[in-house]
C-alpha atoms as a PDB file:
ATOM      1  CA  UNK A   1      61.273  25.523 -23.857  1.00  0.00           C
ATOM      2  CA  UNK A   2      61.232  28.790 -25.682  1.00  0.00           C
ATOM      3  CA  UNK A   3      58.659  31.499 -24.984  1.00  0.00           C
ATOM      4  CA  UNK A   4      57.131  31.013 -28.369  1.00  0.00           C
ATOM      5  CA  UNK A   5      56.700  27.278 -27.770  1.00  0.00           C
ATOM      6  CA  UNK A   6      55.072  27.986 -24.358  1.00  0.00           C
ATOM      7  CA  UNK A   7      52.627  30.394 -25.924  1.00  0.00           C
ATOM      8  CA  UNK A   8      51.747  27.867 -28.662  1.00  0.00           C
ATOM      9  CA  UNK A   9      51.052  25.193 -26.001  1.00  0.00           C
ATOM     10  CA  UNK A  10      48.808  27.507 -23.985  1.00  0.00           C
ATOM     11  CA  UNK A  11      46.871  28.515 -27.103  1.00  0.00           C
ATOM     12  CA  UNK A  12      46.257  24.803 -28.013  1.00  0.00           C
ATOM     13  CA  UNK A  13      45.094  24.063 -24.435  1.00  0.00           C
ATOM     14  CA  UNK A  14      42.709  27.049 -24.480  1.00  0.00           C
ATOM     15  CA  UNK A  15      41.257  25.875 -27.823  1.00  0.00           C
ATOM     16  CA  UNK A  16      40.723  22.372 -26.431  1.00  0.00           C
ATOM     17  CA  UNK A  17      38.972  23.787 -23.357  1.00  0.00           C
ATOM     18  CA  UNK A  18      36.795  26.057 -25.452  1.00  0.00           C
ATOM     19  CA  UNK A  19      36.049  23.224 -27.823  1.00  0.00           C
ATOM     20  CA  UNK A  20      35.015  20.990 -24.942  1.00  0.00           C
ATOM     21  CA  UNK A  21      32.695  23.620 -23.550  1.00  0.00           C
ATOM     22  CA  UNK A  22      31.219  24.146 -26.973  1.00  0.00           C
ATOM     23  CA  UNK A  23      30.530  20.466 -27.293  1.00  0.00           C
ATOM     24  CA  UNK A  24      28.984  20.357 -23.815  1.00  0.00           C
ATOM     25  CA  UNK A  25      26.781  23.304 -24.462  1.00  0.00           C
ATOM     26  CA  UNK A  26      25.640  21.909 -27.816  1.00  0.00           C
ATOM     27  CA  UNK A  27      24.986  18.465 -26.137  1.00  0.00           C
ATOM     28  CA  UNK A  28      22.930  20.250 -23.496  1.00  0.00           C
ATOM     29  CA  UNK A  29      21.015  22.238 -26.094  1.00  0.00           C
ATOM     30  CA  UNK A  30      20.155  19.088 -28.094  1.00  0.00           C
ATOM     31  CA  UNK A  31      19.108  17.224 -24.963  1.00  0.00           C
ATOM     32  CA  UNK A  32      16.985  20.159 -23.892  1.00  0.00           C
ATOM     33  CA  UNK A  33      15.175  20.297 -27.231  1.00  0.00           C
ATOM     34  CA  UNK A  34      14.455  16.556 -27.056  1.00  0.00           C
ATOM     35  CA  UNK A  35      13.255  16.935 -23.438  1.00  0.00           C
ATOM     36  CA  UNK A  36      10.951  19.745 -24.273  1.00  0.00           C
ATOM     37  CA  UNK A  37       9.600  17.801 -27.271  1.00  0.00           C
ATOM     38  CA  UNK A  38       8.957  14.817 -25.051  1.00  0.00           C
ATOM     39  CA  UNK A  39       7.073  16.926 -22.506  1.00  0.00           C
ATOM     40  CA  UNK A  40       4.879  18.313 -25.369  1.00  0.00           C
ATOM     41  CA  UNK A  41       4.127  14.858 -26.676  1.00  0.00           C
ATOM     42  CA  UNK A  42       3.099  13.746 -23.183  1.00  0.00           C
ATOM     43  CA  UNK A  43       0.710  16.692 -23.010  1.00  0.00           C
ATOM     44  CA  UNK A  44      -0.684  15.696 -26.380  1.00  0.00           C
ATOM     45  CA  UNK A  45      -1.316  12.136 -25.165  1.00  0.00           C
ATOM     46  CA  UNK A  46       1.532  10.421 -27.020  1.00  0.00           C
ATOM     47  CA  UNK A  47       3.485   8.620 -24.236  1.00  0.00           C
ATOM     48  CA  UNK A  48       5.189   6.193 -26.619  1.00  0.00           C
ATOM     49  CA  UNK A  49       6.444   8.967 -28.866  1.00  0.00           C
ATOM     50  CA  UNK A  50       7.601  10.946 -25.778  1.00  0.00           C
ATOM     51  CA  UNK A  51       9.409   7.815 -24.463  1.00  0.00           C
ATOM     52  CA  UNK A  52      11.470   7.726 -27.616  1.00  0.00           C
ATOM     53  CA  UNK A  53      12.775  11.269 -26.994  1.00  0.00           C
ATOM     54  CA  UNK A  54      13.530  10.552 -23.358  1.00  0.00           C
ATOM     55  CA  UNK A  55      15.282   7.299 -24.200  1.00  0.00           C
ATOM     56  CA  UNK A  56      17.458   9.149 -26.746  1.00  0.00           C
ATOM     57  CA  UNK A  57      18.503  11.569 -24.031  1.00  0.00           C
ATOM     58  CA  UNK A  58      19.349   8.691 -21.664  1.00  0.00           C
ATOM     59  CA  UNK A  59      21.397   6.944 -24.250  1.00  0.00           C
ATOM     60  CA  UNK A  60      23.136   9.751 -26.156  1.00  0.00           C
ATOM     61  CA  UNK A  61      23.216  12.639 -23.720  1.00  0.00           C
ATOM     62  CA  UNK A  62      24.157  11.012 -20.402  1.00  0.00           C
ATOM     63  CA  UNK A  63      26.172  14.035 -19.365  1.00  0.00           C
ATOM     64  CA  UNK A  64      23.369  16.517 -20.028  1.00  0.00           C
ATOM     65  CA  UNK A  65      21.768  18.512 -17.285  1.00  0.00           C
ATOM     66  CA  UNK A  66      18.374  17.049 -18.169  1.00  0.00           C
ATOM     67  CA  UNK A  67      19.387  13.368 -18.288  1.00  0.00           C
ATOM     68  CA  UNK A  68      18.060  12.790 -14.702  1.00  0.00           C
ATOM     69  CA  UNK A  69      14.723  14.357 -15.511  1.00  0.00           C
ATOM     70  CA  UNK A  70      14.509  12.246 -18.702  1.00  0.00           C
ATOM     71  CA  UNK A  71      15.111   9.056 -16.611  1.00  0.00           C
ATOM     72  CA  UNK A  72      12.331  10.125 -14.238  1.00  0.00           C
ATOM     73  CA  UNK A  73       9.977  10.575 -17.253  1.00  0.00           C
ATOM     74  CA  UNK A  74      11.026   7.191 -18.596  1.00  0.00           C
ATOM     75  CA  UNK A  75      10.127   5.619 -15.265  1.00  0.00           C
ATOM     76  CA  UNK A  76       6.744   7.267 -15.101  1.00  0.00           C
ATOM     77  CA  UNK A  77       5.853   6.368 -18.714  1.00  0.00           C
ATOM     78  CA  UNK A  78       7.112   2.790 -18.401  1.00  0.00           C
ATOM     79  CA  UNK A  79       4.961   2.292 -15.266  1.00  0.00           C
ATOM     80  CA  UNK A  80       1.990   3.895 -16.983  1.00  0.00           C
ATOM     81  CA  UNK A  81       2.469   1.474 -19.921  1.00  0.00           C
ATOM     82  CA  UNK A  82       2.672  -1.542 -17.524  1.00  0.00           C
ATOM     83  CA  UNK A  83       6.392  -2.184 -18.272  1.00  0.00           C
ATOM     84  CA  UNK A  84       7.552  -2.571 -14.661  1.00  0.00           C
ATOM     85  CA  UNK A  85      10.977  -3.947 -15.616  1.00  0.00           C
ATOM     86  CA  UNK A  86      11.596  -0.874 -17.850  1.00  0.00           C
ATOM     87  CA  UNK A  87      10.424   1.360 -15.068  1.00  0.00           C
ATOM     88  CA  UNK A  88      12.740  -0.319 -12.570  1.00  0.00           C
ATOM     89  CA  UNK A  89      15.701  -0.065 -14.929  1.00  0.00           C
ATOM     90  CA  UNK A  90      15.219   3.647 -15.317  1.00  0.00           C
ATOM     91  CA  UNK A  91      15.197   3.955 -11.578  1.00  0.00           C
ATOM     92  CA  UNK A  92      18.265   1.774 -11.308  1.00  0.00           C
ATOM     93  CA  UNK A  93      20.121   4.200 -13.644  1.00  0.00           C
ATOM     94  CA  UNK A  94      19.116   7.041 -11.401  1.00  0.00           C
ATOM     95  CA  UNK A  95      20.558   5.277  -8.345  1.00  0.00           C
ATOM     96  CA  UNK A  96      23.841   4.387 -10.053  1.00  0.00           C
ATOM     97  CA  UNK A  97      24.408   7.284 -12.482  1.00  0.00           C
ATOM     98  CA  UNK A  98      22.738  10.282 -10.753  1.00  0.00           C
ATOM     99  CA  UNK A  99      24.069  10.660  -7.160  1.00  0.00           C
ATOM    100  CA  UNK A 100      21.687  13.501  -6.313  1.00  0.00           C
ATOM    101  CA  UNK A 101      18.693  11.248  -7.054  1.00  0.00           C
ATOM    102  CA  UNK A 102      19.937   8.142  -5.243  1.00  0.00           C
ATOM    103  CA  UNK A 103      17.691   8.120  -2.145  1.00  0.00           C
ATOM    104  CA  UNK A 104      14.441   8.993  -3.893  1.00  0.00           C
ATOM    105  CA  UNK A 105      15.086   6.612  -6.685  1.00  0.00           C
ATOM    106  CA  UNK A 106      15.894   3.739  -4.405  1.00  0.00           C
ATOM    107  CA  UNK A 107      12.794   4.328  -2.260  1.00  0.00           C
ATOM    108  CA  UNK A 108      10.768   4.412  -5.424  1.00  0.00           C
ATOM    109  CA  UNK A 109      12.313   1.111  -6.598  1.00  0.00           C
ATOM    110  CA  UNK A 110      11.344  -0.487  -3.270  1.00  0.00           C
ATOM    111  CA  UNK A 111       7.820   0.762  -3.574  1.00  0.00           C
ATOM    112  CA  UNK A 112       7.514  -0.633  -7.106  1.00  0.00           C
ATOM    113  CA  UNK A 113       8.747  -4.083  -5.972  1.00  0.00           C
ATOM    114  CA  UNK A 114       6.362  -3.974  -2.989  1.00  0.00           C
ATOM    115  CA  UNK A 115       3.498  -3.347  -5.368  1.00  0.00           C
ATOM    116  CA  UNK A 116       4.638  -6.221  -7.577  1.00  0.00           C
ATOM    117  CA  UNK A 117       4.556  -8.670  -4.665  1.00  0.00           C
ATOM    118  CA  UNK A 118       1.210  -7.375  -3.611  1.00  0.00           C
ATOM    119  CA  UNK A 119       2.326  -5.608  -0.531  1.00  0.00           C
ATOM    120  CA  UNK A 120       2.159  -1.837  -0.387  1.00  0.00           C
ATOM    121  CA  UNK A 121       4.666   0.108   1.599  1.00  0.00           C
ATOM    122  CA  UNK A 122       2.177   2.483   3.068  1.00  0.00           C
ATOM    123  CA  UNK A 123       0.027   1.300   6.016  1.00  0.00           C
ATOM    124  CA  UNK A 124      -3.019   2.959   4.407  1.00  0.00           C
ATOM    125  CA  UNK A 125      -2.770   2.710   0.597  1.00  0.00           C
ATOM    126  CA  UNK A 126      -4.229   5.491  -1.478  1.00  0.00           C
ATOM    127  CA  UNK A 127      -7.434   5.180  -3.478  1.00  0.00           C
ATOM    128  CA  UNK A 128      -5.425   4.769  -6.666  1.00  0.00           C
ATOM    129  CA  UNK A 129      -3.340   1.934  -5.173  1.00  0.00           C
ATOM    130  CA  UNK A 130      -6.456   0.158  -4.032  1.00  0.00           C
ATOM    131  CA  UNK A 131      -7.873   0.146  -7.473  1.00  0.00           C
ATOM    132  CA  UNK A 132      -4.655  -1.236  -8.986  1.00  0.00           C
ATOM    133  CA  UNK A 133      -4.502  -5.060  -8.716  1.00  0.00           C
ATOM    134  CA  UNK A 134      -1.242  -6.643  -7.627  1.00  0.00           C
ATOM    135  CA  UNK A 135       0.981  -7.599 -10.572  1.00  0.00           C
ATOM    136  CA  UNK A 136       1.928 -11.243 -10.934  1.00  0.00           C
ATOM    137  CA  UNK A 137       5.700 -11.266 -11.430  1.00  0.00           C
ATOM    138  CA  UNK A 138       8.089 -14.240 -11.543  1.00  0.00           C
ATOM    139  CA  UNK A 139      10.046 -14.748  -8.339  1.00  0.00           C
ATOM    140  CA  UNK A 140      13.344 -14.617 -10.202  1.00  0.00           C
ATOM    141  CA  UNK A 141      12.436 -11.152 -11.551  1.00  0.00           C
ATOM    142  CA  UNK A 142      11.479  -9.849  -8.174  1.00  0.00           C
ATOM    143  CA  UNK A 143      14.596 -11.241  -6.562  1.00  0.00           C
ATOM    144  CA  UNK A 144      16.801  -9.722  -9.326  1.00  0.00           C
ATOM    145  CA  UNK A 145      15.149  -6.278  -8.586  1.00  0.00           C
ATOM    146  CA  UNK A 146      15.645  -6.648  -4.898  1.00  0.00           C
ATOM    147  CA  UNK A 147      19.232  -7.679  -5.292  1.00  0.00           C
ATOM    148  CA  UNK A 148      19.814  -4.591  -7.533  1.00  0.00           C
ATOM    149  CA  UNK A 149      18.525  -2.335  -4.696  1.00  0.00           C
ATOM    150  CA  UNK A 150      20.747  -4.177  -2.190  1.00  0.00           C
ATOM    151  CA  UNK A 151      23.815  -3.818  -4.499  1.00  0.00           C
ATOM    152  CA  UNK A 152      23.329  -0.061  -4.911  1.00  0.00           C
ATOM    153  CA  UNK A 153      22.901   0.560  -1.189  1.00  0.00           C
ATOM    154  CA  UNK A 154      23.132  -2.515   1.131  1.00  0.00           C
ATOM    155  CA  UNK A 155      23.116  -0.353   4.268  1.00  0.00           C
ATOM    156  CA  UNK A 156      20.469   2.179   3.150  1.00  0.00           C
ATOM    157  CA  UNK A 157      17.039   1.759   4.642  1.00  0.00           C
ATOM    158  CA  UNK A 158      15.649   0.689   1.266  1.00  0.00           C
ATOM    159  CA  UNK A 159      18.598  -1.765   0.878  1.00  0.00           C
ATOM    160  CA  UNK A 160      17.903  -3.226   4.252  1.00  0.00           C
ATOM    161  CA  UNK A 161      14.181  -3.619   3.650  1.00  0.00           C
ATOM    162  CA  UNK A 162      14.977  -5.149   0.233  1.00  0.00           C
ATOM    163  CA  UNK A 163      16.933  -7.911   2.131  1.00  0.00           C
ATOM    164  CA  UNK A 164      13.918  -8.673   4.242  1.00  0.00           C
ATOM    165  CA  UNK A 165      11.628  -8.793   1.239  1.00  0.00           C
ATOM    166  CA  UNK A 166      13.915 -11.341  -0.402  1.00  0.00           C
ATOM    167  CA  UNK A 167      12.729 -13.752   2.336  1.00  0.00           C
ATOM    168  CA  UNK A 168       9.100 -12.971   1.577  1.00  0.00           C
ATOM    169  CA  UNK A 169       9.557 -13.662  -2.163  1.00  0.00           C
ATOM    170  CA  UNK A 170      11.299 -17.017  -1.404  1.00  0.00           C
ATOM    171  CA  UNK A 171       8.500 -17.996   0.972  1.00  0.00           C
ATOM    172  CA  UNK A 172       5.703 -17.153  -1.412  1.00  0.00           C
ATOM    173  CA  UNK A 173       7.571 -18.982  -4.211  1.00  0.00           C
ATOM    174  CA  UNK A 174       7.622 -22.143  -2.076  1.00  0.00           C
ATOM    175  CA  UNK A 175      11.363 -21.892  -1.563  1.00  0.00           C
ATOM    176  CA  UNK A 176      11.146 -22.491   2.146  1.00  0.00           C
ATOM    177  CA  UNK A 177      14.790 -23.305   2.878  1.00  0.00           C
ATOM    178  CA  UNK A 178      16.014 -20.191   1.161  1.00  0.00           C
ATOM    179  CA  UNK A 179      13.377 -18.114   2.888  1.00  0.00           C
ATOM    180  CA  UNK A 180      14.438 -19.413   6.362  1.00  0.00           C
ATOM    181  CA  UNK A 181      18.084 -18.737   5.561  1.00  0.00           C
ATOM    182  CA  UNK A 182      17.390 -15.287   4.301  1.00  0.00           C
ATOM    183  CA  UNK A 183      15.273 -14.303   7.352  1.00  0.00           C
ATOM    184  CA  UNK A 184      17.878 -15.842   9.724  1.00  0.00           C
ATOM    185  CA  UNK A 185      20.636 -13.856   8.054  1.00  0.00           C
ATOM    186  CA  UNK A 186      18.534 -10.653   8.380  1.00  0.00           C
ATOM    187  CA  UNK A 187      17.907 -11.181  12.046  1.00  0.00           C
ATOM    188  CA  UNK A 188      21.624 -11.820  12.702  1.00  0.00           C
ATOM    189  CA  UNK A 189      22.818  -8.900  10.471  1.00  0.00           C
ATOM    190  CA  UNK A 190      20.335  -6.245  11.621  1.00  0.00           C
ATOM    191  CA  UNK A 191      19.351  -7.216  15.244  1.00  0.00           C
ATOM    192  CA  UNK A 192      18.367  -3.665  16.133  1.00  0.00           C
ATOM    193  CA  UNK A 193      16.206  -3.088  13.077  1.00  0.00           C
ATOM    194  CA  UNK A 194      12.414  -2.810  13.574  1.00  0.00           C
ATOM    195  CA  UNK A 195      11.986  -5.780  11.213  1.00  0.00           C
ATOM    196  CA  UNK A 196      14.484  -8.011  13.049  1.00  0.00           C
ATOM    197  CA  UNK A 197      11.835  -9.670  15.228  1.00  0.00           C
ATOM    198  CA  UNK A 198       9.593 -10.150  12.180  1.00  0.00           C
ATOM    199  CA  UNK A 199      12.450 -11.933  10.382  1.00  0.00           C
ATOM    200  CA  UNK A 200      13.186 -14.121  13.416  1.00  0.00           C
ATOM    201  CA  UNK A 201       9.538 -14.981  13.747  1.00  0.00           C
ATOM    202  CA  UNK A 202       9.407 -16.126  10.117  1.00  0.00           C
ATOM    203  CA  UNK A 203      12.416 -18.441  10.865  1.00  0.00           C
ATOM    204  CA  UNK A 204      10.079 -20.223  13.307  1.00  0.00           C
ATOM    205  CA  UNK A 205       6.773 -19.702  11.556  1.00  0.00           C
ATOM    206  CA  UNK A 206       7.760 -21.284   8.164  1.00  0.00           C
ATOM    207  CA  UNK A 207       8.563 -24.695   9.568  1.00  0.00           C
ATOM    208  CA  UNK A 208       5.576 -24.374  11.930  1.00  0.00           C
ATOM    209  CA  UNK A 209       3.284 -23.753   8.941  1.00  0.00           C
ATOM    210  CA  UNK A 210       4.843 -26.710   7.056  1.00  0.00           C
ATOM    211  CA  UNK A 211       4.223 -28.930   9.936  1.00  0.00           C
ATOM    212  CA  UNK A 212       0.642 -27.863  10.250  1.00  0.00           C
ATOM    213  CA  UNK A 213       0.136 -28.481   6.489  1.00  0.00           C
ATOM    214  CA  UNK A 214       1.379 -32.000   7.037  1.00  0.00           C
ATOM    215  CA  UNK A 215      -1.094 -32.431   9.946  1.00  0.00           C
ATOM    216  CA  UNK A 216       1.536 -33.327  12.453  1.00  0.00           C
ATOM    217  CA  UNK A 217       2.758 -36.352  10.466  1.00  0.00           C
ATOM    218  CA  UNK A 218       6.317 -35.084  10.159  1.00  0.00           C
ATOM    219  CA  UNK A 219       8.509 -35.352  13.245  1.00  0.00           C
ATOM    220  CA  UNK A 220      11.357 -33.577  11.355  1.00  0.00           C
ATOM    221  CA  UNK A 221       9.159 -30.499  10.612  1.00  0.00           C
ATOM    222  CA  UNK A 222       7.800 -30.584  14.150  1.00  0.00           C
ATOM    223  CA  UNK A 223      11.311 -30.520  15.554  1.00  0.00           C
ATOM    224  CA  UNK A 224      12.361 -27.752  13.181  1.00  0.00           C
ATOM    225  CA  UNK A 225       9.277 -25.742  14.292  1.00  0.00           C
ATOM    226  CA  UNK A 226      10.087 -26.268  18.005  1.00  0.00           C
ATOM    227  CA  UNK A 227      13.723 -25.252  17.549  1.00  0.00           C
ATOM    228  CA  UNK A 228      12.756 -22.156  15.521  1.00  0.00           C
ATOM    229  CA  UNK A 229      10.095 -21.069  17.998  1.00  0.00           C
ATOM    230  CA  UNK A 230      12.451 -21.554  20.975  1.00  0.00           C
ATOM    231  CA  UNK A 231      15.122 -19.576  19.102  1.00  0.00           C
ATOM    232  CA  UNK A 232      12.773 -16.714  18.451  1.00  0.00           C
ATOM    233  CA  UNK A 233      11.583 -16.446  22.047  1.00  0.00           C
ATOM    234  CA  UNK A 234      15.170 -16.589  23.338  1.00  0.00           C
ATOM    235  CA  UNK A 235      16.156 -13.677  20.953  1.00  0.00           C
ATOM    236  CA  UNK A 236      13.061 -11.553  21.137  1.00  0.00           C
ATOM    237  CA  UNK A 237      11.100 -12.343  24.407  1.00  0.00           C
ATOM    238  CA  UNK A 238       9.577  -8.879  24.471  1.00  0.00           C
ATOM    239  CA  UNK A 239       8.304  -8.997  20.799  1.00  0.00           C
ATOM    240  CA  UNK A 240       4.624  -8.422  20.174  1.00  0.00           C
ATOM    241  CA  UNK A 241       4.720 -11.806  18.445  1.00  0.00           C
ATOM    242  CA  UNK A 242       6.033 -13.635  21.567  1.00  0.00           C
ATOM    243  CA  UNK A 243       2.662 -14.615  22.909  1.00  0.00           C
ATOM    244  CA  UNK A 244       1.723 -16.164  19.564  1.00  0.00           C
ATOM    245  CA  UNK A 245       5.080 -17.927  19.402  1.00  0.00           C
ATOM    246  CA  UNK A 246       4.524 -19.408  22.958  1.00  0.00           C
ATOM    247  CA  UNK A 247       1.083 -20.677  21.898  1.00  0.00           C
ATOM    248  CA  UNK A 248       2.554 -22.252  18.798  1.00  0.00           C
ATOM    249  CA  UNK A 249       5.433 -23.844  20.796  1.00  0.00           C
ATOM    250  CA  UNK A 250       2.874 -25.230  23.337  1.00  0.00           C
ATOM    251  CA  UNK A 251       0.912 -26.760  20.467  1.00  0.00           C
ATOM    252  CA  UNK A 252       4.028 -28.368  19.018  1.00  0.00           C
ATOM    253  CA  UNK A 253       5.153 -29.702  22.374  1.00  0.00           C
ATOM    254  CA  UNK A 254       1.645 -31.094  23.036  1.00  0.00           C
ATOM    255  CA  UNK A 255       1.783 -32.891  19.714  1.00  0.00           C
ATOM    256  CA  UNK A 256       5.144 -34.427  20.589  1.00  0.00           C
ATOM    257  CA  UNK A 257       3.842 -35.533  23.962  1.00  0.00           C
ATOM    258  CA  UNK A 258       0.808 -37.212  22.354  1.00  0.00           C
ATOM    259  CA  UNK A 259       3.028 -39.013  19.868  1.00  0.00           C
ATOM    260  CA  UNK A 260       5.349 -40.271  22.644  1.00  0.00           C
ATOM    261  CA  UNK A 261       2.427 -41.537  24.697  1.00  0.00           C
ATOM    262  CA  UNK A 262       0.911 -43.215  21.568  1.00  0.00           C
ATOM    263  CA  UNK A 263       4.236 -44.935  20.709  1.00  0.00           C
ATOM    264  CA  UNK A 264       4.815 -46.140  24.328  1.00  0.00           C
ATOM    265  CA  UNK A 265       1.300 -47.611  24.590  1.00  0.00           C
ATOM    266  CA  UNK A 266       1.658 -49.149  21.057  1.00  0.00           C
ATOM    267  CA  UNK A 267       4.749 -51.097  22.148  1.00  0.00           C
ATOM    268  CA  UNK A 268       3.020 -52.002  25.520  1.00  0.00           C
ATOM    269  CA  UNK A 269       0.194 -53.550  23.551  1.00  0.00           C
ATOM    270  CA  UNK A 270       2.638 -55.399  21.330  1.00  0.00           C
ATOM    271  CA  UNK A 271       4.264 -56.989  24.372  1.00  0.00           C
ATOM    272  CA  UNK A 272       7.535 -55.073  23.836  1.00  0.00           C
ATOM    273  CA  UNK A 273       8.198 -53.487  27.260  1.00  0.00           C
ATOM    274  CA  UNK A 274      11.810 -52.403  26.413  1.00  0.00           C
ATOM    275  CA  UNK A 275      10.712 -50.506  23.360  1.00  0.00           C
ATOM    276  CA  UNK A 276       7.905 -48.975  25.359  1.00  0.00           C
ATOM    277  CA  UNK A 277      10.270 -48.034  28.151  1.00  0.00           C
ATOM    278  CA  UNK A 278      12.365 -45.928  25.702  1.00  0.00           C
ATOM    279  CA  UNK A 279       9.356 -43.658  24.986  1.00  0.00           C
ATOM    280  CA  UNK A 280       8.156 -43.546  28.641  1.00  0.00           C
ATOM    281  CA  UNK A 281      11.664 -42.433  29.588  1.00  0.00           C
ATOM    282  CA  UNK A 282      11.509 -39.643  26.924  1.00  0.00           C
ATOM    283  CA  UNK A 283       8.184 -38.533  28.311  1.00  0.00           C
ATOM    284  CA  UNK A 284       9.692 -38.272  31.802  1.00  0.00           C
ATOM    285  CA  UNK A 285      12.620 -36.243  30.614  1.00  0.00           C
ATOM    286  CA  UNK A 286      10.826 -33.883  28.228  1.00  0.00           C
ATOM    287  CA  UNK A 287       7.441 -33.433  30.042  1.00  0.00           C
ATOM    288  CA  UNK A 288       7.995 -33.888  33.795  1.00  0.00           C
ATOM    289  CA  UNK A 289       5.193 -31.505  34.761  1.00  0.00           C
ATOM    290  CA  UNK A 290       2.613 -33.138  32.442  1.00  0.00           C
ATOM    291  CA  UNK A 291       3.615 -36.626  33.551  1.00  0.00           C
ATOM    292  CA  UNK A 292       3.366 -35.685  37.252  1.00  0.00           C
ATOM    293  CA  UNK A 293      -0.201 -34.464  36.627  1.00  0.00           C
ATOM    294  CA  UNK A 294      -1.219 -37.938  35.222  1.00  0.00           C
ATOM    295  CA  UNK A 295      -0.917 -40.553  37.974  1.00  0.00           C
ATOM    296  CA  UNK A 296      -1.248 -43.543  35.715  1.00  0.00           C
ATOM    297  CA  UNK A 297       1.238 -42.170  33.197  1.00  0.00           C
ATOM    298  CA  UNK A 298       3.684 -41.191  36.018  1.00  0.00           C
ATOM    299  CA  UNK A 299       3.585 -44.835  37.295  1.00  0.00           C
ATOM    300  CA  UNK A 300       4.493 -46.162  33.814  1.00  0.00           C
ATOM    301  CA  UNK A 301       7.353 -43.605  33.510  1.00  0.00           C
ATOM    302  CA  UNK A 302       8.677 -44.611  36.928  1.00  0.00           C
ATOM    303  CA  UNK A 303       8.557 -48.222  35.978  1.00  0.00           C
ATOM    304  CA  UNK A 304      10.381 -47.516  32.723  1.00  0.00           C
ATOM    305  CA  UNK A 305      13.023 -45.517  34.463  1.00  0.00           C
ATOM    306  CA  UNK A 306      13.465 -48.274  37.100  1.00  0.00           C
ATOM    307  CA  UNK A 307      13.866 -50.924  34.331  1.00  0.00           C
ATOM    308  CA  UNK A 308      16.430 -48.698  32.604  1.00  0.00           C
ATOM    309  CA  UNK A 309      18.389 -48.265  35.848  1.00  0.00           C
ATOM    310  CA  UNK A 310      18.377 -51.982  36.436  1.00  0.00           C
ATOM    311  CA  UNK A 311      19.690 -52.628  32.939  1.00  0.00           C
ATOM    312  CA  UNK A 312      22.464 -50.065  33.475  1.00  0.00           C
ATOM    313  CA  UNK A 313      23.527 -51.644  36.728  1.00  0.00           C
ATOM    314  CA  UNK A 314      23.719 -55.142  35.225  1.00  0.00           C
ATOM    315  CA  UNK A 315      25.706 -53.855  32.243  1.00  0.00           C
ATOM    316  CA  UNK A 316      25.852 -55.329  28.757  1.00  0.00           C
ATOM    317  CA  UNK A 317      28.590 -57.940  29.596  1.00  0.00           C
ATOM    318  CA  UNK A 318      27.458 -59.100  33.011  1.00  0.00           C
ATOM    319  CA  UNK A 319      25.145 -62.002  33.767  1.00  0.00           C
ATOM    320  CA  UNK A 320      21.503 -61.104  34.475  1.00  0.00           C
END
């Protein structure tokens, strides 16, 4: 390559660079003018007009230095106008397009969703938050918002809490199976997190509440509640919810014992000792202490066990 050719190439490159800088500077200048006009409109009480300017920046001037500030203004205006989905989307762009704003934007997203499901993040909500009634939002919208938070930062604190809140949304929507699965996954994935025992407790409490609503008429729900409560106590025996879980488990077990006694006596009255013996045997195996404390019941259980032993010794193919 000749010296003249090299010089020509360098000149072209310099022009391209200068042109790019000029375009960037012009883009920034246009974005800044729009931003300043938006701020002026806000001060004049024209949020919708201001929103148009900020939206233009977010769409046409993504690379400008004021794009992030415009997105924050979009979030604030949309929230003020009651457009929670629009506010969330502005925050979502901040988390995915503006790295320096990720943490703050994600925390704000979580706070917004908490408000939508009627649960404030702060232990003591401010006066303004107390005056604002919870917004009724469709579960699928809330779940989509939470999944967006999780996708942008699954291991961030906001992302972890969003996973916990998915269980709450499922539960309140009546999607109990999904709620239990979500809470169980949370307890397994984040066993050291401060919400782990809360999640594990919900795994037990959801079937327990279902059983209570059915007034004890569902052996399946009662068994699910017992398994869940025992699982929780085995995993988190030192939890502040352990005492409550033990009380619930005692209630579930007492209901099971009453049912076994009732079934055994029912078959006794019907003159079906073999059927009654099955339930007496279960009582002896599952509730030995309670049976020992009731002399009459203990005698029936011993008789049932004796009958069962005799039947075993004879065998199914041997003469009686």
